[in-house]
N, C-alpha and C. Protein backbone atom coordinates (compact mmCIF):
# COMPACT_ATOMS: atom_id res chain seq x y z
N MET A 1 0.61 10.18 -6.50
CA MET A 1 1.54 9.06 -6.30
C MET A 1 0.90 7.87 -7.43
N LYS A 2 1.92 7.09 -7.65
CA LYS A 2 1.56 6.02 -8.71
C LYS A 2 1.93 4.84 -8.09
N TRP A 3 1.70 3.59 -8.66
CA TRP A 3 1.83 2.33 -8.08
C TRP A 3 3.40 2.13 -7.98
N THR A 4 4.30 2.70 -8.56
CA THR A 4 5.63 2.60 -8.45
C THR A 4 6.38 3.25 -7.32
N ASP A 5 5.41 4.24 -6.74
CA ASP A 5 5.91 4.97 -5.47
C ASP A 5 5.63 4.08 -4.21
N VAL A 6 6.21 2.79 -4.33
CA VAL A 6 6.11 1.82 -3.16
C VAL A 6 6.16 2.35 -1.85
N ARG A 7 7.47 3.08 -1.65
CA ARG A 7 8.00 3.56 -0.24
C ARG A 7 7.09 4.61 0.29
N LEU A 8 6.69 5.66 -0.53
CA LEU A 8 5.58 6.55 -0.03
C LEU A 8 4.27 5.98 0.11
N ILE A 9 3.87 5.25 -0.73
CA ILE A 9 2.42 4.43 -0.40
C ILE A 9 2.57 3.74 0.94
N ALA A 10 3.53 3.01 1.46
CA ALA A 10 3.90 2.29 2.50
C ALA A 10 3.77 3.28 3.65
N ILE A 11 4.39 4.47 3.63
CA ILE A 11 4.39 5.43 4.58
C ILE A 11 2.85 6.11 4.80
N GLU A 12 2.29 6.35 3.68
CA GLU A 12 0.95 6.83 3.71
C GLU A 12 -0.06 5.74 4.33
N LEU A 13 0.02 4.56 4.11
CA LEU A 13 -0.94 3.58 4.65
C LEU A 13 -0.58 3.22 6.16
N ALA A 14 0.74 3.34 6.63
CA ALA A 14 1.14 3.26 7.86
C ALA A 14 0.53 4.34 8.83
N GLU A 15 0.41 5.62 8.06
CA GLU A 15 -0.15 6.73 8.90
C GLU A 15 -1.54 6.51 8.89
N ALA A 16 -2.32 6.15 7.75
CA ALA A 16 -3.83 6.06 7.67
C ALA A 16 -4.38 4.83 8.39
N HIS A 17 -3.48 3.78 8.59
CA HIS A 17 -4.06 2.52 9.35
C HIS A 17 -3.18 2.01 10.43
N PRO A 18 -2.75 2.96 11.40
CA PRO A 18 -1.77 2.55 12.57
C PRO A 18 -2.25 1.15 13.16
N GLU A 19 -3.63 0.86 13.26
CA GLU A 19 -4.12 -0.32 13.87
C GLU A 19 -3.86 -1.55 13.37
N VAL A 20 -3.49 -1.52 11.93
CA VAL A 20 -3.37 -2.63 11.13
C VAL A 20 -2.08 -3.27 11.12
N ASP A 21 -1.75 -4.51 11.25
CA ASP A 21 -0.64 -5.25 11.11
C ASP A 21 -0.49 -5.69 9.67
N PRO A 22 0.46 -5.23 8.92
CA PRO A 22 0.59 -5.17 7.49
C PRO A 22 0.80 -6.69 7.16
N LYS A 23 1.38 -7.64 8.10
CA LYS A 23 1.71 -8.76 7.58
C LYS A 23 0.33 -9.68 7.45
N THR A 24 -0.75 -9.07 8.03
CA THR A 24 -2.06 -9.86 7.85
C THR A 24 -2.96 -9.46 6.89
N ILE A 25 -2.62 -8.40 6.02
CA ILE A 25 -3.54 -7.82 5.30
C ILE A 25 -3.79 -8.58 4.02
N ARG A 26 -5.16 -8.65 3.45
CA ARG A 26 -5.33 -9.30 2.18
C ARG A 26 -5.09 -8.37 1.08
N PHE A 27 -4.49 -8.92 0.02
CA PHE A 27 -4.16 -7.94 -1.15
C PHE A 27 -5.38 -7.25 -1.66
N THR A 28 -6.59 -7.71 -1.62
CA THR A 28 -7.82 -6.92 -2.07
C THR A 28 -7.97 -5.72 -1.17
N ASP A 29 -7.85 -5.96 0.13
CA ASP A 29 -7.98 -4.79 1.03
C ASP A 29 -6.78 -3.81 0.75
N LEU A 30 -5.56 -4.31 0.43
CA LEU A 30 -4.35 -3.41 0.49
C LEU A 30 -4.79 -2.65 -1.04
N HIS A 31 -5.00 -3.32 -2.03
CA HIS A 31 -5.39 -2.44 -3.32
C HIS A 31 -6.42 -1.52 -3.11
N ASN A 32 -7.54 -1.87 -2.32
CA ASN A 32 -8.51 -0.76 -2.13
C ASN A 32 -7.98 0.38 -1.21
N TRP A 33 -7.27 -0.03 -0.19
CA TRP A 33 -6.68 1.08 0.58
C TRP A 33 -5.75 2.18 -0.24
N VAL A 34 -5.01 1.57 -1.03
CA VAL A 34 -4.07 2.35 -1.79
C VAL A 34 -4.77 3.15 -2.72
N MET A 35 -5.99 2.66 -3.31
CA MET A 35 -6.69 3.52 -4.38
C MET A 35 -7.50 4.68 -3.42
N ALA A 36 -7.50 4.52 -2.28
CA ALA A 36 -8.51 5.27 -1.46
C ALA A 36 -7.55 6.67 -0.97
N LEU A 37 -6.09 6.22 -1.05
CA LEU A 37 -5.23 7.43 -0.56
C LEU A 37 -5.51 8.76 -1.37
N GLN A 38 -5.42 9.78 -0.53
CA GLN A 38 -5.80 11.07 -1.25
C GLN A 38 -4.99 11.51 -2.18
N ASP A 39 -3.75 11.07 -2.12
CA ASP A 39 -2.75 11.68 -3.30
C ASP A 39 -2.54 10.60 -4.29
N PHE A 40 -3.17 9.52 -4.33
CA PHE A 40 -2.93 8.40 -5.16
C PHE A 40 -3.70 8.76 -6.46
N HIS A 41 -2.91 8.65 -7.84
CA HIS A 41 -3.77 8.98 -8.91
C HIS A 41 -3.02 7.96 -10.14
N ASP A 42 -3.49 6.73 -10.08
CA ASP A 42 -3.01 5.95 -11.06
C ASP A 42 -4.08 4.91 -11.58
N ASP A 43 -3.95 4.13 -12.49
CA ASP A 43 -5.05 3.18 -13.11
C ASP A 43 -4.95 2.02 -12.10
N PRO A 44 -6.16 1.82 -11.52
CA PRO A 44 -6.28 0.43 -10.75
C PRO A 44 -5.78 -0.72 -11.36
N LYS A 45 -5.74 -0.89 -12.73
CA LYS A 45 -5.47 -2.03 -13.36
C LYS A 45 -4.11 -2.17 -13.58
N HIS A 46 -3.19 -1.15 -13.20
CA HIS A 46 -1.58 -1.30 -13.26
C HIS A 46 -1.09 -1.89 -12.10
N SER A 47 -1.84 -2.33 -11.22
CA SER A 47 -1.41 -2.95 -9.94
C SER A 47 -1.38 -4.47 -10.19
N GLY A 48 -0.50 -5.19 -9.57
CA GLY A 48 -0.31 -6.68 -9.76
C GLY A 48 0.12 -7.14 -8.38
N GLU A 49 0.32 -8.60 -8.14
CA GLU A 49 0.73 -9.16 -7.06
C GLU A 49 2.12 -8.44 -6.70
N LYS A 50 3.08 -8.57 -7.70
CA LYS A 50 4.30 -7.91 -7.16
C LYS A 50 4.51 -6.89 -6.72
N ILE A 51 3.37 -5.67 -7.02
CA ILE A 51 3.58 -4.45 -6.65
C ILE A 51 2.92 -4.41 -5.26
N LEU A 52 1.98 -5.19 -5.13
CA LEU A 52 1.36 -5.29 -3.89
C LEU A 52 2.13 -5.94 -2.75
N GLU A 53 2.83 -6.88 -3.22
CA GLU A 53 3.83 -7.65 -2.44
C GLU A 53 4.99 -6.49 -1.85
N ALA A 54 5.46 -5.71 -2.66
CA ALA A 54 6.46 -4.72 -2.47
C ALA A 54 5.93 -3.72 -1.56
N ILE A 55 4.80 -3.23 -1.68
CA ILE A 55 4.05 -2.19 -1.01
C ILE A 55 3.86 -2.91 0.53
N GLN A 56 3.46 -4.21 0.51
CA GLN A 56 3.19 -4.83 1.84
C GLN A 56 4.69 -4.89 2.56
N ALA A 57 5.66 -5.24 2.04
CA ALA A 57 7.02 -5.47 2.42
C ALA A 57 7.67 -4.24 2.97
N ALA A 58 7.22 -3.03 2.13
CA ALA A 58 7.76 -1.52 2.47
C ALA A 58 6.94 -1.35 3.74
N TRP A 59 5.74 -1.55 3.97
CA TRP A 59 4.74 -1.11 4.90
C TRP A 59 5.36 -1.87 6.24
N ILE A 60 5.56 -3.09 6.19
CA ILE A 60 6.13 -3.90 7.23
C ILE A 60 7.46 -3.21 7.72
N GLU A 61 8.52 -2.99 6.92
CA GLU A 61 9.56 -2.24 7.22
C GLU A 61 9.29 -0.78 7.99
N GLU A 62 8.29 -0.21 7.55
CA GLU A 62 7.93 1.09 8.03
C GLU A 62 7.42 0.99 9.55
N VAL A 63 6.79 0.07 9.86
CA VAL A 63 6.36 -0.05 11.26
C VAL A 63 7.05 -0.74 12.13
N GLU A 64 8.24 -1.26 11.62
CA GLU A 64 9.28 -2.18 12.48
C GLU A 64 10.25 -1.33 12.94
């Protein structure tokens, strides 16, 4: 996975952290959790606020 795989990342995060409300997550935590996903292989510097917002929005959709 890469940063552009927003939907797939959101699904993986929802499965890895079912107890977390994605509406309340800090972007620093979100960034770290994405980097920790087993199938994630991208440069940490390629993320930004817009990508993290998109991942968060997809995660919120996933759990609703």
